Amino acid sequence: MQEVETKCPYGIQLFNTNEVVTRYNNKMLSLTQEKVTSIAKDKFIGCTSAEQTTYFLWKLHKMSLIDSEELPYEIAIVQDIYYRITTRIDVPDGLKSGAVGKLVYIDYNVDRDAKGVWLEFPDSQKIGQKIKKTVDGHGAAIQISKTAVPIGRRSSNIPLNNDKTINF
């Protein structure tokens, strides 16, 4: 990791294992003072008791990203940092796994929870063309660059038991 930081401090890093990626990301995020932690909003459908809800909440938080449709429970959001998209948001519009963009703005709701982010994709101005057209007025109102693309919170139904009656 030391060699990577010396030879290519601002480049996109490639590592052999997810463990090394996580360690590197955590180290880089720990260097910043101004980060926002966005935590998933859990909603359970089909639970019949508080104990069952607690059990499924524990089970959900132990799931791998693959099992949770690549939606992490918690994500650190830092402005001016590059992020790699890890899920399919809008594939025809280029918002898909592998796209890398720089976070330029964090959108908050009235409770000051992060409700979305705006990314710029310097390697491809074609990414997010469709969505940019639909939010042009909002972007101008909050003085965001016309090249920035908004990405809102994602949600998913994840079955938590074998008969698929409990969903997150």
N, C-alpha and C. Protein backbone atom coordinates (compact mmCIF):
# COMPACT_ATOMS: atom_id res chain seq x y z
N MET A 1 0.83 -1.18 0.00
CA MET A 1 0.00 0.00 0.00
C MET A 1 0.88 1.26 0.00
N GLN A 2 1.99 1.22 0.71
CA GLN A 2 2.89 2.37 0.78
C GLN A 2 3.41 2.72 -0.61
N GLU A 3 3.77 1.71 -1.40
CA GLU A 3 4.29 1.94 -2.74
C GLU A 3 3.25 2.61 -3.63
N VAL A 4 2.00 2.20 -3.49
CA VAL A 4 0.91 2.78 -4.28
C VAL A 4 0.78 4.26 -3.98
N GLU A 5 0.79 4.62 -2.72
CA GLU A 5 0.64 6.02 -2.32
C GLU A 5 1.79 6.88 -2.83
N THR A 6 2.97 6.32 -2.89
CA THR A 6 4.14 7.06 -3.36
C THR A 6 4.12 7.24 -4.87
N LYS A 7 3.85 6.17 -5.60
CA LYS A 7 3.94 6.21 -7.06
C LYS A 7 2.72 6.82 -7.74
N CYS A 8 1.56 6.68 -7.13
CA CYS A 8 0.33 7.14 -7.78
C CYS A 8 -0.69 7.59 -6.74
N PRO A 9 -0.40 8.69 -6.03
CA PRO A 9 -1.25 9.08 -4.89
C PRO A 9 -2.69 9.45 -5.25
N TYR A 10 -2.94 9.93 -6.47
CA TYR A 10 -4.29 10.37 -6.81
C TYR A 10 -4.95 9.49 -7.85
N GLY A 11 -4.33 8.39 -8.19
CA GLY A 11 -4.89 7.50 -9.20
C GLY A 11 -5.87 6.52 -8.62
N ILE A 12 -6.59 5.85 -9.48
CA ILE A 12 -7.49 4.78 -9.06
C ILE A 12 -6.65 3.56 -8.75
N GLN A 13 -6.87 2.98 -7.60
CA GLN A 13 -6.05 1.87 -7.14
C GLN A 13 -6.71 0.53 -7.44
N LEU A 14 -5.91 -0.45 -7.81
CA LEU A 14 -6.38 -1.82 -8.01
C LEU A 14 -5.66 -2.72 -7.02
N PHE A 15 -6.43 -3.55 -6.30
CA PHE A 15 -5.84 -4.45 -5.33
C PHE A 15 -6.33 -5.86 -5.58
N ASN A 16 -5.63 -6.84 -5.02
CA ASN A 16 -5.93 -8.25 -5.27
C ASN A 16 -7.12 -8.79 -4.49
N THR A 17 -7.40 -8.22 -3.31
CA THR A 17 -8.48 -8.76 -2.49
C THR A 17 -9.37 -7.62 -1.98
N ASN A 18 -10.60 -7.96 -1.67
CA ASN A 18 -11.53 -6.98 -1.10
C ASN A 18 -11.05 -6.48 0.25
N GLU A 19 -10.37 -7.34 1.00
CA GLU A 19 -9.86 -6.94 2.31
C GLU A 19 -8.85 -5.80 2.18
N VAL A 20 -7.96 -5.89 1.20
CA VAL A 20 -6.96 -4.84 0.99
C VAL A 20 -7.65 -3.56 0.50
N VAL A 21 -8.66 -3.71 -0.35
CA VAL A 21 -9.43 -2.55 -0.83
C VAL A 21 -10.07 -1.83 0.36
N THR A 22 -10.73 -2.59 1.22
CA THR A 22 -11.40 -2.01 2.39
C THR A 22 -10.40 -1.31 3.29
N ARG A 23 -9.26 -1.95 3.52
CA ARG A 23 -8.22 -1.35 4.38
C ARG A 23 -7.73 -0.03 3.78
N TYR A 24 -7.47 -0.03 2.48
CA TYR A 24 -7.01 1.19 1.80
C TYR A 24 -8.07 2.30 1.87
N ASN A 25 -9.32 1.94 1.53
CA ASN A 25 -10.40 2.93 1.56
C ASN A 25 -10.58 3.53 2.95
N ASN A 26 -10.57 2.68 3.97
CA ASN A 26 -10.73 3.16 5.35
C ASN A 26 -9.59 4.10 5.74
N LYS A 27 -8.37 3.76 5.31
CA LYS A 27 -7.23 4.62 5.61
C LYS A 27 -7.40 5.98 4.95
N MET A 28 -7.78 6.00 3.67
CA MET A 28 -7.94 7.26 2.95
C MET A 28 -9.08 8.10 3.54
N LEU A 29 -10.17 7.45 3.90
CA LEU A 29 -11.30 8.18 4.48
C LEU A 29 -10.98 8.71 5.88
N SER A 30 -10.11 8.01 6.60
CA SER A 30 -9.76 8.47 7.95
C SER A 30 -8.93 9.75 7.90
N LEU A 31 -8.33 10.06 6.77
CA LEU A 31 -7.50 11.25 6.66
C LEU A 31 -8.32 12.53 6.52
N THR A 32 -9.60 12.40 6.25
CA THR A 32 -10.43 13.59 6.06
C THR A 32 -11.25 13.89 7.30
N GLN A 33 -11.41 15.18 7.58
CA GLN A 33 -12.19 15.61 8.73
C GLN A 33 -13.67 15.76 8.40
N GLU A 34 -13.96 16.11 7.16
CA GLU A 34 -15.33 16.45 6.77
C GLU A 34 -15.99 15.31 6.00
N LYS A 35 -16.44 14.31 6.72
CA LYS A 35 -17.14 13.22 6.06
C LYS A 35 -18.53 13.06 6.65
N VAL A 36 -19.41 12.57 5.82
CA VAL A 36 -20.79 12.32 6.21
C VAL A 36 -21.00 10.82 6.15
N THR A 37 -21.61 10.26 7.17
CA THR A 37 -21.92 8.83 7.15
C THR A 37 -23.39 8.67 6.80
N SER A 38 -23.63 7.97 5.71
CA SER A 38 -25.01 7.69 5.29
C SER A 38 -25.32 6.25 5.67
N ILE A 39 -26.39 6.08 6.45
CA ILE A 39 -26.77 4.77 6.95
C ILE A 39 -28.09 4.36 6.31
N ALA A 40 -28.19 3.09 5.95
CA ALA A 40 -29.40 2.56 5.32
C ALA A 40 -30.61 2.77 6.22
N LYS A 41 -31.74 2.99 5.60
CA LYS A 41 -33.01 3.12 6.32
C LYS A 41 -33.72 1.76 6.19
N ASP A 42 -33.66 0.97 7.24
CA ASP A 42 -34.24 -0.37 7.21
C ASP A 42 -35.74 -0.34 7.40
N LYS A 43 -36.43 -1.13 6.59
CA LYS A 43 -37.88 -1.26 6.71
C LYS A 43 -38.21 -2.74 6.46
N PHE A 44 -38.85 -3.37 7.43
CA PHE A 44 -39.14 -4.79 7.32
C PHE A 44 -40.63 -5.01 7.07
N ILE A 45 -40.91 -5.90 6.14
CA ILE A 45 -42.30 -6.25 5.80
C ILE A 45 -42.49 -7.73 6.12
N GLY A 46 -43.47 -8.05 6.95
CA GLY A 46 -43.79 -9.44 7.23
C GLY A 46 -43.34 -9.94 8.58
N CYS A 47 -42.64 -9.15 9.36
CA CYS A 47 -42.22 -9.59 10.69
C CYS A 47 -43.42 -9.58 11.63
N THR A 48 -43.49 -10.58 12.51
CA THR A 48 -44.64 -10.70 13.40
C THR A 48 -44.34 -10.32 14.84
N SER A 49 -43.05 -10.00 15.15
CA SER A 49 -42.72 -9.61 16.52
C SER A 49 -41.46 -8.76 16.51
N ALA A 50 -41.24 -8.08 17.63
CA ALA A 50 -40.04 -7.26 17.77
C ALA A 50 -38.79 -8.14 17.76
N GLU A 51 -38.90 -9.33 18.35
CA GLU A 51 -37.76 -10.25 18.38
C GLU A 51 -37.40 -10.70 16.97
N GLN A 52 -38.41 -10.98 16.15
CA GLN A 52 -38.16 -11.39 14.78
C GLN A 52 -37.51 -10.24 13.98
N THR A 53 -37.99 -9.04 14.19
CA THR A 53 -37.42 -7.87 13.51
C THR A 53 -35.96 -7.69 13.92
N THR A 54 -35.67 -7.83 15.21
CA THR A 54 -34.29 -7.71 15.71
C THR A 54 -33.40 -8.77 15.08
N TYR A 55 -33.89 -10.01 15.02
CA TYR A 55 -33.11 -11.10 14.42
C TYR A 55 -32.82 -10.80 12.94
N PHE A 56 -33.82 -10.37 12.19
CA PHE A 56 -33.61 -10.12 10.77
C PHE A 56 -32.74 -8.89 10.54
N LEU A 57 -32.81 -7.92 11.44
CA LEU A 57 -31.93 -6.76 11.35
C LEU A 57 -30.48 -7.22 11.52
N TRP A 58 -30.23 -8.07 12.51
CA TRP A 58 -28.89 -8.62 12.73
C TRP A 58 -28.44 -9.40 11.49
N LYS A 59 -29.32 -10.23 10.96
CA LYS A 59 -29.00 -11.04 9.78
C LYS A 59 -28.68 -10.15 8.57
N LEU A 60 -29.45 -9.10 8.38
CA LEU A 60 -29.25 -8.18 7.28
C LEU A 60 -27.89 -7.49 7.38
N HIS A 61 -27.54 -7.05 8.57
CA HIS A 61 -26.28 -6.33 8.74
C HIS A 61 -25.07 -7.24 8.59
N LYS A 62 -25.26 -8.55 8.69
CA LYS A 62 -24.16 -9.51 8.52
C LYS A 62 -24.02 -9.95 7.05
N MET A 63 -24.96 -9.55 6.20
CA MET A 63 -24.93 -9.99 4.80
C MET A 63 -23.75 -9.40 4.05
N SER A 64 -23.29 -10.15 3.06
CA SER A 64 -22.25 -9.62 2.17
C SER A 64 -22.89 -8.67 1.18
N LEU A 65 -22.09 -7.87 0.54
CA LEU A 65 -22.61 -6.94 -0.47
C LEU A 65 -23.29 -7.69 -1.62
N ILE A 66 -22.80 -8.85 -1.95
CA ILE A 66 -23.40 -9.64 -3.03
C ILE A 66 -24.84 -10.01 -2.67
N ASP A 67 -25.05 -10.41 -1.42
CA ASP A 67 -26.39 -10.82 -0.97
C ASP A 67 -27.34 -9.65 -0.78
N SER A 68 -26.80 -8.45 -0.59
CA SER A 68 -27.65 -7.27 -0.39
C SER A 68 -27.74 -6.42 -1.66
N GLU A 69 -27.55 -7.06 -2.79
CA GLU A 69 -27.61 -6.40 -4.10
C GLU A 69 -26.63 -5.24 -4.18
N GLU A 70 -25.45 -5.43 -3.55
CA GLU A 70 -24.35 -4.47 -3.58
C GLU A 70 -24.70 -3.13 -2.93
N LEU A 71 -25.66 -3.15 -2.02
CA LEU A 71 -26.02 -1.94 -1.29
C LEU A 71 -25.43 -2.04 0.12
N PRO A 72 -24.44 -1.22 0.44
CA PRO A 72 -23.84 -1.29 1.78
C PRO A 72 -24.78 -0.71 2.83
N TYR A 73 -24.64 -1.18 4.06
CA TYR A 73 -25.44 -0.66 5.16
C TYR A 73 -25.01 0.77 5.49
N GLU A 74 -23.73 1.03 5.37
CA GLU A 74 -23.19 2.34 5.74
C GLU A 74 -22.14 2.75 4.71
N ILE A 75 -22.14 4.02 4.35
CA ILE A 75 -21.14 4.52 3.42
C ILE A 75 -20.66 5.89 3.88
N ALA A 76 -19.36 6.08 3.81
CA ALA A 76 -18.77 7.38 4.14
C ALA A 76 -18.79 8.22 2.87
N ILE A 77 -19.30 9.43 3.00
CA ILE A 77 -19.41 10.33 1.85
C ILE A 77 -18.50 11.52 2.12
N VAL A 78 -17.60 11.76 1.17
CA VAL A 78 -16.63 12.84 1.31
C VAL A 78 -16.58 13.60 -0.01
N GLN A 79 -16.75 14.89 0.06
CA GLN A 79 -16.68 15.71 -1.14
C GLN A 79 -15.26 15.71 -1.70
N ASP A 80 -15.17 15.82 -3.03
CA ASP A 80 -13.90 15.87 -3.76
C ASP A 80 -13.13 14.55 -3.73
N ILE A 81 -13.81 13.46 -3.43
CA ILE A 81 -13.22 12.13 -3.48
C ILE A 81 -13.86 11.39 -4.65
N TYR A 82 -13.08 10.52 -5.30
CA TYR A 82 -13.61 9.71 -6.40
C TYR A 82 -14.28 8.46 -5.84
N TYR A 83 -15.44 8.13 -6.41
CA TYR A 83 -16.20 6.95 -6.02
C TYR A 83 -16.45 6.09 -7.25
N ARG A 84 -16.43 4.78 -7.04
CA ARG A 84 -16.75 3.83 -8.10
C ARG A 84 -18.15 3.31 -7.85
N ILE A 85 -18.99 3.39 -8.87
CA ILE A 85 -20.35 2.85 -8.75
C ILE A 85 -20.25 1.33 -8.74
N THR A 86 -20.98 0.70 -7.81
CA THR A 86 -20.91 -0.76 -7.67
C THR A 86 -22.24 -1.44 -7.94
N THR A 87 -23.21 -0.73 -8.47
CA THR A 87 -24.52 -1.31 -8.74
C THR A 87 -25.08 -0.71 -10.03
N ARG A 88 -26.13 -1.31 -10.53
CA ARG A 88 -26.78 -0.81 -11.75
C ARG A 88 -27.81 0.24 -11.36
N ILE A 89 -27.55 1.49 -11.73
CA ILE A 89 -28.48 2.57 -11.44
C ILE A 89 -29.33 2.85 -12.68
N ASP A 90 -28.66 3.14 -13.78
CA ASP A 90 -29.32 3.35 -15.08
C ASP A 90 -28.29 2.99 -16.15
N VAL A 91 -28.26 1.72 -16.52
CA VAL A 91 -27.24 1.20 -17.43
C VAL A 91 -27.20 1.93 -18.77
N PRO A 92 -28.36 2.15 -19.45
CA PRO A 92 -28.29 2.87 -20.73
C PRO A 92 -27.72 4.28 -20.61
N ASP A 93 -27.86 4.89 -19.43
CA ASP A 93 -27.35 6.24 -19.21
C ASP A 93 -25.90 6.22 -18.70
N GLY A 94 -25.29 5.03 -18.61
CA GLY A 94 -23.90 4.91 -18.19
C GLY A 94 -23.69 4.83 -16.70
N LEU A 95 -24.77 4.90 -15.92
CA LEU A 95 -24.66 4.82 -14.46
C LEU A 95 -24.73 3.34 -14.05
N LYS A 96 -23.56 2.70 -14.08
CA LYS A 96 -23.49 1.26 -13.84
C LYS A 96 -22.19 0.91 -13.14
N SER A 97 -22.09 -0.33 -12.72
CA SER A 97 -20.88 -0.80 -12.05
C SER A 97 -19.64 -0.45 -12.85
N GLY A 98 -18.67 0.11 -12.16
CA GLY A 98 -17.40 0.43 -12.80
C GLY A 98 -17.22 1.90 -13.14
N ALA A 99 -18.31 2.65 -13.29
CA ALA A 99 -18.18 4.08 -13.59
C ALA A 99 -17.57 4.78 -12.38
N VAL A 100 -16.62 5.67 -12.63
CA VAL A 100 -15.93 6.37 -11.54
C VAL A 100 -16.18 7.87 -11.68
N GLY A 101 -16.66 8.47 -10.61
CA GLY A 101 -16.94 9.90 -10.62
C GLY A 101 -16.46 10.58 -9.35
N LYS A 102 -16.24 11.86 -9.46
CA LYS A 102 -15.81 12.67 -8.31
C LYS A 102 -17.04 13.28 -7.64
N LEU A 103 -17.17 13.08 -6.34
CA LEU A 103 -18.30 13.62 -5.59
C LEU A 103 -18.11 15.13 -5.43
N VAL A 104 -19.06 15.89 -5.99
CA VAL A 104 -18.93 17.35 -5.96
C VAL A 104 -19.97 18.03 -5.08
N TYR A 105 -21.02 17.30 -4.69
CA TYR A 105 -22.07 17.92 -3.88
C TYR A 105 -22.85 16.84 -3.14
N ILE A 106 -23.23 17.14 -1.90
CA ILE A 106 -24.07 16.24 -1.10
C ILE A 106 -25.40 16.94 -0.89
N ASP A 107 -26.48 16.26 -1.25
CA ASP A 107 -27.84 16.78 -1.08
C ASP A 107 -28.38 16.26 0.25
N TYR A 108 -28.98 17.14 1.06
CA TYR A 108 -29.51 16.75 2.37
C TYR A 108 -31.02 16.93 2.40
N ASN A 109 -31.69 16.11 3.22
CA ASN A 109 -33.12 16.33 3.45
C ASN A 109 -33.28 17.29 4.63
N VAL A 110 -34.50 17.53 5.05
CA VAL A 110 -34.75 18.49 6.13
C VAL A 110 -34.16 18.05 7.47
N ASP A 111 -33.94 16.73 7.64
CA ASP A 111 -33.35 16.21 8.88
C ASP A 111 -31.82 16.19 8.82
N ARG A 112 -31.24 16.73 7.76
CA ARG A 112 -29.79 16.76 7.51
C ARG A 112 -29.20 15.39 7.26
N ASP A 113 -30.03 14.45 6.78
CA ASP A 113 -29.53 13.16 6.33
C ASP A 113 -29.19 13.29 4.85
N ALA A 114 -28.12 12.64 4.42
CA ALA A 114 -27.77 12.67 3.01
C ALA A 114 -28.85 11.95 2.22
N LYS A 115 -29.45 12.64 1.25
CA LYS A 115 -30.48 12.01 0.44
C LYS A 115 -29.97 11.70 -0.97
N GLY A 116 -28.80 12.19 -1.29
CA GLY A 116 -28.21 11.92 -2.59
C GLY A 116 -26.90 12.65 -2.74
N VAL A 117 -26.20 12.32 -3.81
CA VAL A 117 -24.93 12.96 -4.11
C VAL A 117 -24.90 13.35 -5.59
N TRP A 118 -24.02 14.24 -5.94
CA TRP A 118 -23.79 14.64 -7.32
C TRP A 118 -22.35 14.30 -7.66
N LEU A 119 -22.17 13.56 -8.74
CA LEU A 119 -20.84 13.16 -9.18
C LEU A 119 -20.54 13.74 -10.56
N GLU A 120 -19.28 14.06 -10.79
CA GLU A 120 -18.81 14.43 -12.12
C GLU A 120 -17.96 13.28 -12.63
N PHE A 121 -18.16 12.93 -13.89
CA PHE A 121 -17.44 11.84 -14.53
C PHE A 121 -16.50 12.42 -15.58
N PRO A 122 -15.28 12.77 -15.18
CA PRO A 122 -14.38 13.46 -16.09
C PRO A 122 -13.95 12.64 -17.31
N ASP A 123 -13.98 11.31 -17.19
CA ASP A 123 -13.55 10.47 -18.30
C ASP A 123 -14.63 10.28 -19.36
N SER A 124 -15.87 10.62 -19.05
CA SER A 124 -16.94 10.46 -20.02
C SER A 124 -18.07 11.45 -19.73
N GLN A 125 -18.21 12.43 -20.57
CA GLN A 125 -19.30 13.40 -20.43
C GLN A 125 -20.63 12.78 -20.83
N LYS A 126 -20.62 11.58 -21.41
CA LYS A 126 -21.86 10.92 -21.82
C LYS A 126 -22.59 10.27 -20.64
N ILE A 127 -21.87 9.98 -19.58
CA ILE A 127 -22.49 9.35 -18.42
C ILE A 127 -23.49 10.32 -17.79
N GLY A 128 -24.72 9.84 -17.60
CA GLY A 128 -25.74 10.62 -16.91
C GLY A 128 -26.44 11.67 -17.77
N GLN A 129 -26.29 11.62 -19.09
CA GLN A 129 -26.91 12.62 -19.96
C GLN A 129 -28.42 12.69 -19.78
N LYS A 130 -29.06 11.53 -19.70
CA LYS A 130 -30.52 11.48 -19.58
C LYS A 130 -31.00 12.09 -18.25
N ILE A 131 -30.38 11.69 -17.17
CA ILE A 131 -30.82 12.19 -15.86
C ILE A 131 -30.50 13.67 -15.71
N LYS A 132 -29.39 14.14 -16.27
CA LYS A 132 -29.04 15.57 -16.17
C LYS A 132 -30.13 16.45 -16.78
N LYS A 133 -30.75 15.98 -17.85
CA LYS A 133 -31.81 16.76 -18.51
C LYS A 133 -33.03 16.93 -17.60
N THR A 134 -33.30 15.93 -16.77
CA THR A 134 -34.49 15.98 -15.92
C THR A 134 -34.30 16.83 -14.67
N VAL A 135 -33.06 17.13 -14.30
CA VAL A 135 -32.80 17.87 -13.06
C VAL A 135 -32.05 19.18 -13.31
N ASP A 136 -32.04 19.61 -14.54
CA ASP A 136 -31.26 20.80 -14.91
C ASP A 136 -31.62 22.00 -14.04
N GLY A 137 -32.89 22.25 -13.81
CA GLY A 137 -33.31 23.40 -13.00
C GLY A 137 -32.85 23.29 -11.56
N HIS A 138 -32.95 22.10 -10.98
CA HIS A 138 -32.52 21.91 -9.59
C HIS A 138 -31.01 22.11 -9.47
N GLY A 139 -30.26 21.57 -10.41
CA GLY A 139 -28.81 21.74 -10.38
C GLY A 139 -28.41 23.20 -10.45
N ALA A 140 -29.09 23.96 -11.30
CA ALA A 140 -28.79 25.39 -11.42
C ALA A 140 -29.18 26.13 -10.13
N ALA A 141 -30.28 25.73 -9.52
CA ALA A 141 -30.76 26.39 -8.30
C ALA A 141 -29.78 26.22 -7.14
N ILE A 142 -29.11 25.08 -7.08
CA ILE A 142 -28.15 24.86 -5.99
C ILE A 142 -26.71 25.09 -6.46
N GLN A 143 -26.59 25.69 -7.64
CA GLN A 143 -25.30 26.09 -8.21
C GLN A 143 -24.33 24.93 -8.38
N ILE A 144 -24.83 23.87 -9.00
CA ILE A 144 -24.01 22.70 -9.32
C ILE A 144 -23.58 22.80 -10.77
N SER A 145 -22.40 22.34 -11.06
CA SER A 145 -21.89 22.31 -12.44
C SER A 145 -22.85 21.53 -13.34
N LYS A 146 -23.00 21.98 -14.57
CA LYS A 146 -23.89 21.28 -15.53
C LYS A 146 -23.36 19.89 -15.88
N THR A 147 -22.12 19.60 -15.54
CA THR A 147 -21.57 18.27 -15.84
C THR A 147 -21.82 17.28 -14.71
N ALA A 148 -22.33 17.75 -13.56
CA ALA A 148 -22.57 16.87 -12.42
C ALA A 148 -23.85 16.05 -12.62
N VAL A 149 -23.83 14.82 -12.12
CA VAL A 149 -24.94 13.88 -12.26
C VAL A 149 -25.47 13.54 -10.86
N PRO A 150 -26.78 13.70 -10.63
CA PRO A 150 -27.33 13.36 -9.31
C PRO A 150 -27.56 11.85 -9.18
N ILE A 151 -27.27 11.35 -8.00
CA ILE A 151 -27.53 9.94 -7.69
C ILE A 151 -28.21 9.91 -6.33
N GLY A 152 -29.45 9.41 -6.31
CA GLY A 152 -30.22 9.36 -5.08
C GLY A 152 -29.99 8.07 -4.31
N ARG A 153 -30.61 7.99 -3.16
CA ARG A 153 -30.54 6.76 -2.35
C ARG A 153 -31.15 5.61 -3.14
N ARG A 154 -30.62 4.43 -2.97
CA ARG A 154 -31.11 3.24 -3.64
C ARG A 154 -31.86 2.38 -2.62
N SER A 155 -32.81 1.60 -3.11
CA SER A 155 -33.50 0.67 -2.22
C SER A 155 -33.68 -0.66 -2.93
N SER A 156 -33.95 -1.68 -2.14
CA SER A 156 -34.11 -3.01 -2.70
C SER A 156 -34.93 -3.87 -1.76
N ASN A 157 -35.66 -4.83 -2.32
CA ASN A 157 -36.33 -5.85 -1.52
C ASN A 157 -35.41 -7.05 -1.45
N ILE A 158 -35.04 -7.42 -0.25
CA ILE A 158 -34.11 -8.53 -0.05
C ILE A 158 -34.80 -9.57 0.83
N PRO A 159 -35.09 -10.76 0.27
CA PRO A 159 -35.72 -11.80 1.10
C PRO A 159 -34.77 -12.26 2.20
N LEU A 160 -35.29 -12.35 3.43
CA LEU A 160 -34.45 -12.72 4.57
C LEU A 160 -34.78 -14.09 5.15
N ASN A 161 -35.74 -14.78 4.55
CA ASN A 161 -36.01 -16.15 4.99
C ASN A 161 -36.30 -17.01 3.77
N ASN A 162 -36.33 -18.32 3.95
CA ASN A 162 -36.44 -19.24 2.81
C ASN A 162 -37.74 -19.12 2.04
N ASP A 163 -38.87 -18.84 2.73
CA ASP A 163 -40.13 -18.75 1.98
C ASP A 163 -40.39 -17.34 1.48
N LYS A 164 -39.40 -16.45 1.65
CA LYS A 164 -39.43 -15.10 1.08
C LYS A 164 -40.63 -14.25 1.54
N THR A 165 -41.04 -14.47 2.81
CA THR A 165 -42.15 -13.66 3.32
C THR A 165 -41.65 -12.45 4.10
N ILE A 166 -40.37 -12.43 4.45
CA ILE A 166 -39.79 -11.30 5.17
C ILE A 166 -38.87 -10.59 4.19
N ASN A 167 -39.13 -9.32 3.95
CA ASN A 167 -38.30 -8.54 3.04
C ASN A 167 -37.77 -7.33 3.77
N PHE A 168 -36.59 -6.90 3.36
CA PHE A 168 -35.95 -5.69 3.88
C PHE A 168 -36.31 -4.58 2.92
